[in-house]
N, C-alpha and C. Protein backbone atom coordinates (compact mmCIF):
# COMPACT_ATOMS: atom_id res chain seq x y z
N MET A 1 95.46 117.35 46.83
CA MET A 1 96.07 118.79 45.89
C MET A 1 96.30 119.98 46.67
N ASN A 2 94.89 120.81 47.67
CA ASN A 2 95.45 122.29 47.88
C ASN A 2 96.21 122.00 49.16
N THR A 3 97.00 120.93 50.02
CA THR A 3 97.79 120.83 50.38
C THR A 3 99.59 120.83 49.59
N ASP A 4 99.17 120.09 48.44
CA ASP A 4 100.56 120.39 47.57
C ASP A 4 100.55 121.57 47.39
N VAL A 5 99.36 122.17 46.83
CA VAL A 5 100.22 124.17 46.52
C VAL A 5 99.85 124.78 47.47
N ALA A 6 99.40 124.56 48.70
CA ALA A 6 99.75 125.12 49.86
C ALA A 6 101.24 125.18 50.18
N THR A 7 101.84 123.65 49.94
CA THR A 7 103.67 123.57 50.07
C THR A 7 104.16 124.35 48.70
N LEU A 8 103.89 124.04 47.43
CA LEU A 8 104.26 124.75 46.44
C LEU A 8 104.90 126.11 47.07
N GLN A 9 102.92 126.82 47.47
CA GLN A 9 103.74 128.48 48.30
C GLN A 9 104.20 128.74 48.95
N ASN A 10 104.78 127.92 50.56
CA ASN A 10 105.60 127.54 50.92
C ASN A 10 107.12 128.04 50.14
N ILE A 11 107.41 127.04 49.11
CA ILE A 11 108.59 126.57 48.91
C ILE A 11 108.87 128.15 47.91
N ALA A 12 107.43 128.41 47.05
CA ALA A 12 108.13 129.64 46.67
C ALA A 12 108.47 130.92 47.03
N ASP A 13 107.40 131.28 48.27
CA ASP A 13 108.02 132.59 49.06
C ASP A 13 109.19 131.51 50.15
N THR A 14 109.87 131.23 50.43
CA THR A 14 110.85 130.66 50.72
C THR A 14 112.36 131.05 49.62
N LEU A 15 111.46 130.17 48.40
CA LEU A 15 113.04 130.59 47.98
C LEU A 15 113.02 131.77 47.29
N LYS A 16 112.06 132.93 47.92
CA LYS A 16 112.15 134.49 47.03
C LYS A 16 112.57 135.04 48.63
N GLU A 17 112.99 134.96 49.13
CA GLU A 17 113.61 135.88 50.22
C GLU A 17 114.91 135.04 49.99
N GLU A 18 115.36 133.41 50.33
CA GLU A 18 116.27 133.07 50.24
C GLU A 18 116.82 132.03 48.88
N PRO A 19 116.66 132.66 47.64
CA PRO A 19 116.63 132.28 46.34
C PRO A 19 117.70 130.11 46.37
N LEU A 20 118.62 130.28 47.13
CA LEU A 20 119.40 129.76 46.85
C LEU A 20 119.03 128.13 48.32
N ALA A 21 117.88 128.76 48.54
CA ALA A 21 118.14 127.64 50.31
C ALA A 21 117.87 126.45 49.48
N SER A 22 118.68 125.65 50.76
CA SER A 22 119.43 124.32 50.39
C SER A 22 117.07 123.29 50.96
N GLN A 23 117.66 121.80 50.12
CA GLN A 23 116.23 121.18 50.97
C GLN A 23 116.15 121.34 52.03
N ARG A 24 117.12 121.79 53.31
CA ARG A 24 117.04 121.35 54.44
C ARG A 24 116.21 122.52 55.08
N VAL A 25 116.06 123.69 54.07
CA VAL A 25 116.02 125.69 54.37
C VAL A 25 114.11 125.32 54.33
N LEU A 26 113.83 124.75 53.27
CA LEU A 26 112.91 124.15 52.89
C LEU A 26 111.85 123.41 53.58
N ALA A 27 112.79 122.66 53.99
CA ALA A 27 111.89 121.34 55.23
C ALA A 27 111.65 122.06 56.17
N GLU A 28 112.76 122.89 57.21
CA GLU A 28 112.68 123.61 58.28
C GLU A 28 111.27 124.47 57.63
N LYS A 29 110.66 125.09 56.50
CA LYS A 29 110.43 126.67 56.72
C LYS A 29 108.83 126.09 56.53
N ALA A 30 108.61 124.93 55.74
CA ALA A 30 107.45 123.74 55.71
C ALA A 30 107.25 123.23 56.87
N GLY A 31 107.50 122.99 57.90
CA GLY A 31 107.79 121.90 58.59
C GLY A 31 107.26 120.43 58.37
N MET A 32 108.53 120.35 57.63
CA MET A 32 108.56 118.33 57.60
C MET A 32 110.50 118.45 57.19
N SER A 33 110.12 117.18 57.82
CA SER A 33 111.66 116.32 57.54
C SER A 33 112.09 116.18 56.18
N ILE A 34 113.30 115.93 55.81
CA ILE A 34 114.05 116.80 55.03
C ILE A 34 113.60 115.07 53.83
N GLY A 35 113.50 113.84 54.55
CA GLY A 35 113.12 112.72 53.23
C GLY A 35 111.32 113.34 53.00
N LEU A 36 110.65 113.83 53.59
CA LEU A 36 109.94 113.91 53.00
C LEU A 36 109.77 115.49 51.91
N MET A 37 110.49 116.08 51.94
CA MET A 37 111.09 117.42 51.28
C MET A 37 111.34 116.83 49.97
N ASN A 38 112.29 115.85 50.08
CA ASN A 38 112.90 115.40 49.44
C ASN A 38 111.37 114.78 48.15
N ALA A 39 111.07 114.39 49.01
CA ALA A 39 109.50 113.43 47.80
C ALA A 39 108.01 114.40 47.41
N VAL A 40 108.48 115.81 47.77
CA VAL A 40 107.43 116.48 47.81
C VAL A 40 108.26 117.39 46.41
N ILE A 41 109.14 117.61 47.03
CA ILE A 41 110.44 118.37 45.38
C ILE A 41 110.27 117.03 44.66
N ASN A 42 110.60 116.14 44.62
CA ASN A 42 110.08 115.01 43.15
C ASN A 42 108.89 114.94 42.61
N ARG A 43 108.10 114.83 43.51
CA ARG A 43 106.34 114.96 42.51
C ARG A 43 106.10 116.61 42.40
N PHE A 44 106.76 117.24 42.95
CA PHE A 44 106.50 118.97 41.44
C PHE A 44 107.37 118.80 40.50
N VAL A 45 108.64 118.10 40.63
CA VAL A 45 108.69 118.04 39.97
C VAL A 45 108.42 116.42 38.68
N GLU A 46 108.03 116.55 38.82
CA GLU A 46 107.90 115.16 37.46
C GLU A 46 105.86 116.09 36.84
N ARG A 47 105.09 117.04 38.52
CA ARG A 47 104.42 117.67 37.48
C ARG A 47 104.34 119.40 37.28
N GLY A 48 105.85 119.18 36.66
CA GLY A 48 106.81 121.02 36.16
C GLY A 48 106.54 121.86 37.30
N TRP A 49 105.99 122.12 38.24
CA TRP A 49 106.52 122.58 38.59
C TRP A 49 107.64 123.93 39.12
N ILE A 50 108.62 123.01 39.88
CA ILE A 50 109.38 123.10 40.11
C ILE A 50 110.51 122.53 39.10
N MET A 51 111.67 123.11 38.83
CA MET A 51 112.65 123.16 37.72
C MET A 51 113.76 122.90 38.96
N LEU A 52 114.75 121.67 39.16
CA LEU A 52 115.69 121.92 39.31
C LEU A 52 117.19 122.48 38.72
N THR A 53 118.40 122.82 38.66
CA THR A 53 119.82 123.47 38.67
C THR A 53 120.91 122.59 39.09
N ASN A 54 121.47 121.95 39.16
CA ASN A 54 123.00 121.79 39.40
C ASN A 54 123.76 123.82 39.77
N VAL A 55 123.61 123.19 41.08
CA VAL A 55 125.27 124.88 41.32
C VAL A 55 126.16 124.19 40.75
N ASN A 56 126.41 123.62 41.67
CA ASN A 56 127.83 122.59 42.00
C ASN A 56 127.47 121.06 41.95
N LEU A 57 127.94 119.97 42.52
CA LEU A 57 128.52 118.77 42.47
C LEU A 57 127.44 118.14 43.75
N ARG A 58 127.41 119.63 44.45
CA ARG A 58 126.66 118.96 45.96
C ARG A 58 125.42 119.83 46.14
N LYS A 59 125.56 120.57 44.97
CA LYS A 59 124.10 121.27 45.55
C LYS A 59 123.20 121.62 44.35
N LEU A 60 121.65 121.75 45.00
CA LEU A 60 120.85 121.77 43.88
C LEU A 60 120.50 123.44 43.87
N SER A 61 119.88 123.71 43.13
CA SER A 61 118.78 125.29 43.02
C SER A 61 117.42 124.40 42.70
N TYR A 62 116.51 125.88 43.26
CA TYR A 62 115.37 125.11 42.88
C TYR A 62 114.83 126.71 42.51
N ALA A 63 113.48 126.31 41.46
CA ALA A 63 112.80 127.01 40.68
C ALA A 63 111.36 127.56 40.37
N ILE A 64 110.42 127.97 40.63
CA ILE A 64 108.91 128.06 40.22
C ILE A 64 109.25 127.63 39.22
N THR A 65 108.41 126.79 38.64
CA THR A 65 108.36 126.78 37.05
C THR A 65 107.12 127.87 36.57
N PRO A 66 106.65 128.31 35.31
CA PRO A 66 105.35 128.84 34.71
C PRO A 66 104.35 128.05 35.46
N ALA A 67 104.27 126.76 35.15
CA ALA A 67 103.50 126.00 35.62
C ALA A 67 103.31 125.86 36.46
N GLY A 68 103.64 126.24 38.18
CA GLY A 68 103.70 126.31 39.58
C GLY A 68 103.03 127.33 39.86
N ILE A 69 103.84 128.50 38.49
CA ILE A 69 102.78 129.69 39.18
C ILE A 69 102.02 129.42 39.02
N ALA A 70 100.98 128.55 37.49
CA ALA A 70 99.84 128.92 37.32
C ALA A 70 99.26 128.19 38.32
N GLU A 71 100.00 126.82 39.38
CA GLU A 71 98.27 126.68 40.07
C GLU A 71 98.66 127.85 40.48
N LEU A 72 99.90 128.33 41.39
CA LEU A 72 99.52 129.60 42.82
C LEU A 72 99.31 130.25 42.36
N THR A 73 98.49 130.96 40.90
CA THR A 73 98.18 132.08 40.05
C THR A 73 96.63 131.49 40.79
N ALA A 74 95.55 130.07 40.35
CA ALA A 74 94.58 129.76 40.22
C ALA A 74 94.63 129.39 40.98
N ARG A 75 95.12 129.24 42.40
CA ARG A 75 94.48 128.98 44.31
C ARG A 75 94.53 130.71 44.26
N SER A 76 95.40 131.52 44.42
CA SER A 76 95.19 133.25 44.96
C SER A 76 93.50 133.77 43.64
N GLN A 77 93.28 132.77 42.82
CA GLN A 77 92.27 133.53 42.84
C GLN A 77 90.79 132.26 42.99
N ASN A 78 91.14 131.20 43.39
CA ASN A 78 90.22 130.61 43.39
C ASN A 78 90.13 131.23 45.34
N PHE A 79 90.99 131.82 45.77
CA PHE A 79 90.25 132.15 47.76
C PHE A 79 90.04 133.45 47.59
N ALA A 80 89.96 134.26 46.31
CA ALA A 80 89.50 135.79 46.31
C ALA A 80 88.16 135.15 45.77
N LYS A 81 87.84 134.38 45.16
CA LYS A 81 86.25 134.57 44.44
C LYS A 81 85.51 133.72 45.56
N ARG A 82 86.60 132.77 46.73
CA ARG A 82 85.92 132.08 48.02
C ARG A 82 85.62 133.96 48.89
N THR A 83 86.73 134.36 49.37
CA THR A 83 86.58 135.59 49.95
C THR A 83 85.58 136.42 49.37
N PHE A 84 85.29 137.02 48.33
CA PHE A 84 84.50 137.71 47.32
C PHE A 84 82.89 137.16 47.59
N ALA A 85 83.14 135.75 47.74
CA ALA A 85 81.12 135.32 48.21
C ALA A 85 80.26 135.87 49.62
N ILE A 86 81.75 135.23 50.02
CA ILE A 86 81.70 135.03 51.91
C ILE A 86 81.80 136.58 52.19
N ALA A 87 82.16 137.70 51.76
CA ALA A 87 81.96 139.08 51.81
C ALA A 87 80.46 139.83 51.20
N ASN A 88 80.25 139.08 50.00
CA ASN A 88 78.36 139.61 49.33
C ASN A 88 77.15 138.81 50.24
N LYS A 89 78.09 137.48 50.72
CA LYS A 89 76.50 137.02 51.65
C LYS A 89 76.90 138.03 53.05
N TYR A 90 77.89 138.45 53.79
CA TYR A 90 77.14 139.55 54.52
C TYR A 90 76.92 140.08 54.01
N ASN A 91 77.43 141.38 53.17
CA ASN A 91 77.14 142.63 53.05
C ASN A 91 75.96 142.28 53.09
N GLU A 92 74.73 140.92 52.46
CA GLU A 92 73.18 141.04 51.90
C GLU A 92 72.81 140.75 53.49
N THR A 93 73.76 140.36 53.97
CA THR A 93 73.22 139.91 55.52
C THR A 93 72.89 140.68 56.18
N LEU A 94 73.82 142.08 56.60
CA LEU A 94 74.23 143.58 57.24
C LEU A 94 72.14 143.85 56.75
N CYS A 95 72.54 144.04 55.87
CA CYS A 95 71.49 144.69 54.83
C CYS A 95 70.23 145.21 55.71
N LYS A 96 69.86 143.36 55.29
CA LYS A 96 68.81 142.93 55.94
C LYS A 96 68.98 143.94 57.47
N VAL A 97 69.41 143.00 58.04
CA VAL A 97 69.40 143.42 59.43
C VAL A 97 69.44 144.89 59.66
N VAL A 98 69.95 145.41 59.44
CA VAL A 98 70.36 147.17 59.28
C VAL A 98 67.99 147.50 58.86
N SER A 99 68.67 147.03 57.68
CA SER A 99 66.64 146.84 56.78
C SER A 99 65.50 147.25 58.20
N ASP A 100 65.22 145.60 58.92
CA ASP A 100 65.11 145.24 59.37
C ASP A 100 64.57 146.20 61.24
N ALA A 101 66.11 146.65 60.92
CA ALA A 101 66.69 147.38 62.97
C ALA A 101 65.41 148.61 62.03
N LYS A 102 65.83 148.56 60.81
CA LYS A 102 64.67 150.60 61.19
C LYS A 102 63.48 150.77 60.35
N ASN A 103 63.22 148.93 60.52
CA ASN A 103 61.28 148.86 60.45
C ASN A 103 60.98 148.94 61.48
N ASP A 104 62.04 148.49 62.50
CA ASP A 104 61.43 148.56 64.00
C ASP A 104 61.97 149.91 64.69
N GLY A 105 61.72 150.45 63.94
CA GLY A 105 61.95 151.99 64.69
C GLY A 105 63.39 153.07 64.76
N LYS A 106 64.44 151.64 64.73
CA LYS A 106 66.09 151.84 65.29
C LYS A 106 66.48 153.49 64.28
N ASP A 107 66.91 154.09 65.12
CA ASP A 107 67.91 155.48 63.26
C ASP A 107 69.29 154.59 63.54
N LYS A 108 69.88 155.01 64.84
CA LYS A 108 71.21 154.16 64.46
C LYS A 108 71.70 152.66 64.72
N ILE A 109 72.72 152.29 64.56
CA ILE A 109 73.52 151.12 64.78
C ILE A 109 74.28 151.22 65.87
N VAL A 110 74.51 150.83 66.63
CA VAL A 110 76.14 151.31 67.45
C VAL A 110 77.30 149.69 67.61
N LEU A 111 77.87 150.37 66.83
CA LEU A 111 78.63 148.75 67.03
C LEU A 111 79.36 148.95 68.61
N TYR A 112 79.82 147.47 69.55
CA TYR A 112 80.92 147.98 70.81
C TYR A 112 81.92 146.90 70.36
N GLY A 113 83.00 147.38 70.75
CA GLY A 113 83.82 146.63 70.36
C GLY A 113 83.65 147.16 69.11
N ASN A 114 85.54 146.04 68.37
CA ASN A 114 85.46 146.40 67.03
C ASN A 114 85.43 144.49 66.65
N SER A 115 85.60 145.03 65.24
CA SER A 115 85.59 143.85 63.84
C SER A 115 86.24 143.72 62.92
N TYR A 116 86.64 142.51 61.85
CA TYR A 116 87.31 142.29 61.15
C TYR A 116 86.25 143.28 59.62
N ILE A 117 84.50 143.21 60.23
CA ILE A 117 84.03 143.89 59.12
C ILE A 117 82.88 144.39 58.88
N LYS A 118 84.09 145.17 60.11
CA LYS A 118 82.70 146.58 60.44
C LYS A 118 82.92 147.63 59.66
N PHE A 119 83.69 147.13 58.83
CA PHE A 119 83.00 148.60 57.66
C PHE A 119 81.52 147.99 55.87
N LEU A 120 81.32 146.40 56.67
CA LEU A 120 80.61 145.89 55.84
C LEU A 120 79.29 146.67 56.72
N LEU A 121 79.32 146.70 58.08
CA LEU A 121 78.34 147.32 58.77
C LEU A 121 78.24 148.55 58.65
N ASN A 122 78.50 149.64 58.60
CA ASN A 122 78.99 150.53 57.99
C ASN A 122 78.44 150.91 56.66
N TYR A 123 78.65 149.94 55.46
CA TYR A 123 78.27 150.27 54.05
C TYR A 123 76.63 149.80 54.69
N ALA A 124 76.01 148.80 55.21
CA ALA A 124 74.62 148.26 54.87
C ALA A 124 74.16 149.90 56.01
N CYS A 125 74.62 150.46 57.24
CA CYS A 125 74.04 151.35 57.43
C CYS A 125 73.95 152.25 56.45
N GLN A 126 75.51 153.05 55.28
CA GLN A 126 75.09 153.99 54.47
C GLN A 126 74.14 153.84 53.75
N THR A 127 73.96 152.86 52.87
CA THR A 127 72.89 151.90 52.45
C THR A 127 71.63 151.82 52.43
N ILE A 128 71.40 151.83 53.69
CA ILE A 128 70.29 151.28 54.02
C ILE A 128 69.43 153.16 55.33
N ASP A 129 70.47 154.14 54.54
CA ASP A 129 70.50 154.89 56.12
C ASP A 129 69.72 155.84 57.09
N VAL A 130 71.01 154.46 57.63
CA VAL A 130 70.95 154.78 59.13
C VAL A 130 71.97 154.40 59.58
N THR A 131 72.01 155.53 60.77
CA THR A 131 73.37 156.06 60.97
C THR A 131 74.39 154.90 61.35
N PHE A 132 75.33 155.24 61.22
CA PHE A 132 76.59 154.34 62.21
C PHE A 132 77.73 154.21 63.62
N ILE A 133 77.21 154.19 64.12
CA ILE A 133 78.73 154.80 65.99
C ILE A 133 78.95 153.45 66.08
N GLU A 134 80.03 153.80 66.26
CA GLU A 134 81.59 153.08 67.12
C GLU A 134 81.16 153.10 68.59
N LYS A 135 81.32 152.45 69.59
CA LYS A 135 81.99 153.03 70.71
C LYS A 135 83.15 151.53 71.55
N SER A 136 83.10 151.87 72.50
CA SER A 136 84.21 151.33 73.30
C SER A 136 83.37 150.15 74.09
N THR A 137 83.64 148.70 74.84
CA THR A 137 82.49 147.80 75.07
C THR A 137 82.60 148.39 76.46
N SER A 138 83.03 149.65 76.90
CA SER A 138 82.75 150.38 78.26
C SER A 138 82.30 151.03 78.73
N ASP A 139 81.20 151.61 77.39
CA ASP A 139 80.22 152.29 77.52
C ASP A 139 79.37 151.28 76.95
N PRO A 140 78.11 152.25 77.80
CA PRO A 140 76.89 151.22 78.50
C PRO A 140 75.42 151.14 76.35
N ILE A 141 75.02 150.91 77.10
CA ILE A 141 74.55 149.86 75.56
C ILE A 141 73.33 151.00 75.33
N GLU A 142 72.82 151.36 74.69
CA GLU A 142 72.03 152.25 74.04
C GLU A 142 71.15 151.90 73.91
N PRO A 143 70.20 152.44 74.97
CA PRO A 143 68.11 152.10 74.68
C PRO A 143 68.22 152.33 73.04
N ASN A 144 68.19 153.01 72.38
CA ASN A 144 66.86 153.16 70.93
C ASN A 144 67.97 152.86 70.07
N ALA A 145 69.00 152.16 70.21
CA ALA A 145 69.32 152.07 68.92
C ALA A 145 69.48 150.32 69.05
N PHE A 146 70.02 149.86 67.47
CA PHE A 146 70.52 148.26 67.32
C PHE A 146 71.78 148.87 67.72
N CYS A 147 72.00 147.82 68.90
CA CYS A 147 73.57 147.45 69.42
C CYS A 147 74.63 145.99 68.95
N VAL A 148 75.11 146.40 68.51
CA VAL A 148 75.62 145.10 67.62
C VAL A 148 77.21 145.03 68.84
N VAL A 149 77.91 144.25 69.03
CA VAL A 149 78.61 143.39 69.70
C VAL A 149 80.29 143.11 68.03
N GLY A 150 80.96 143.57 68.19
CA GLY A 150 82.03 142.53 67.45
C GLY A 150 82.28 141.28 68.00
N GLU A 151 82.95 140.73 67.05
CA GLU A 151 83.67 139.33 67.38
C GLU A 151 85.27 139.77 67.90
N GLN A 152 85.06 141.30 67.40
CA GLN A 152 86.93 140.41 68.72
C GLN A 152 87.19 141.35 69.83
N CYS A 153 85.62 141.39 70.43
CA CYS A 153 85.39 141.48 72.19
C CYS A 153 85.99 140.04 73.35
N ALA A 154 86.19 140.50 74.59
CA ALA A 154 86.64 138.91 75.02
C ALA A 154 85.44 138.50 75.84
N GLU A 155 85.30 137.23 75.60
CA GLU A 155 83.59 137.23 75.67
C GLU A 155 83.19 136.97 77.00
N GLU A 156 84.10 137.97 77.85
CA GLU A 156 83.25 138.24 79.54
C GLU A 156 82.81 139.56 78.86
N GLU A 157 83.26 140.87 77.65
CA GLU A 157 82.36 141.79 76.58
C GLU A 157 81.32 141.21 76.09
N LEU A 158 81.35 140.40 75.46
CA LEU A 158 79.93 139.57 75.18
C LEU A 158 79.06 139.33 75.10
N ALA A 159 79.53 138.30 76.85
CA ALA A 159 78.37 138.55 77.40
C ALA A 159 77.68 139.27 78.57
N ARG A 160 77.91 140.49 79.20
CA ARG A 160 77.95 141.37 79.42
C ARG A 160 77.03 142.18 78.49
N LEU A 161 77.32 142.61 77.45
CA LEU A 161 76.93 143.27 76.29
C LEU A 161 75.95 142.73 75.53
N THR A 162 75.69 141.06 75.44
CA THR A 162 75.12 141.01 75.45
C THR A 162 73.32 140.06 76.67
N ALA A 163 73.47 140.61 77.52
CA ALA A 163 72.88 140.43 79.01
C ALA A 163 72.02 141.69 78.74
N GLN A 164 72.88 142.87 78.33
CA GLN A 164 72.16 144.33 78.58
C GLN A 164 70.85 144.42 76.90
N GLY A 165 71.28 143.97 75.97
CA GLY A 165 70.82 143.40 75.40
C GLY A 165 71.24 144.07 73.98
N GLY A 166 72.91 143.74 73.77
CA GLY A 166 73.19 143.73 72.69
C GLY A 166 73.02 142.28 71.94
N VAL A 167 73.47 142.55 70.14
CA VAL A 167 73.34 141.19 70.21
C VAL A 167 74.98 141.01 69.64
N SER A 168 75.29 139.52 69.18
CA SER A 168 76.53 139.35 68.75
C SER A 168 76.94 139.22 66.81
N LEU A 169 77.73 139.58 67.19
CA LEU A 169 77.82 140.31 65.18
C LEU A 169 78.13 139.20 64.94
N LEU A 170 78.34 137.53 65.14
CA LEU A 170 78.45 136.90 64.99
C LEU A 170 77.74 135.82 64.42
N ASN A 171 76.76 135.94 65.55
CA ASN A 171 75.23 135.38 65.51
C ASN A 171 74.43 136.13 64.74
N LEU A 172 74.58 137.21 64.33
CA LEU A 172 74.10 138.42 63.34
C LEU A 172 74.42 136.96 61.61
N LEU A 173 75.77 136.75 60.96
CA LEU A 173 75.99 136.38 60.00
C LEU A 173 75.49 134.89 59.87
N GLU A 174 75.18 134.00 61.47
CA GLU A 174 74.93 132.99 61.13
C GLU A 174 73.87 132.40 61.04
N GLU A 175 73.01 133.11 61.05
CA GLU A 175 71.13 132.95 60.23
C GLU A 175 71.18 133.15 59.58
């Protein structure tokens, strides 16, 4: 069912760009054969997700129905719920890490390199009242800080910085 909804999303995106897209175009954009796309469209018509209209004797027009839109909305909402739950878990984990670092006498958290979730680390620092600093991966590890290496760093940078006392952000989140 999940792959069906993903395919429906792909069809909806294609039809948004190209409202009169042919079955061939829909198949190409979805990365499937025309025969498979035909079967998928027929299944989606049976479910009430797609409506077919004759443009002329040789051409069909496809439209996502309200039921199809409801499926896509539910998928988006489920994705958002899962994302928020993960962000909340990461936030709780980082607040604990920052709190533990503060209890160990660290007055600042230094992030080396880039991270997609640096905003969560920054927020944890603000919540626990610890200074948050961002540095380049070429900067030396600060001896009196809790040093975190962002997940966007190259493997060799990660290895070098962790060998010098830094901690991988990904490893913190997996604990």
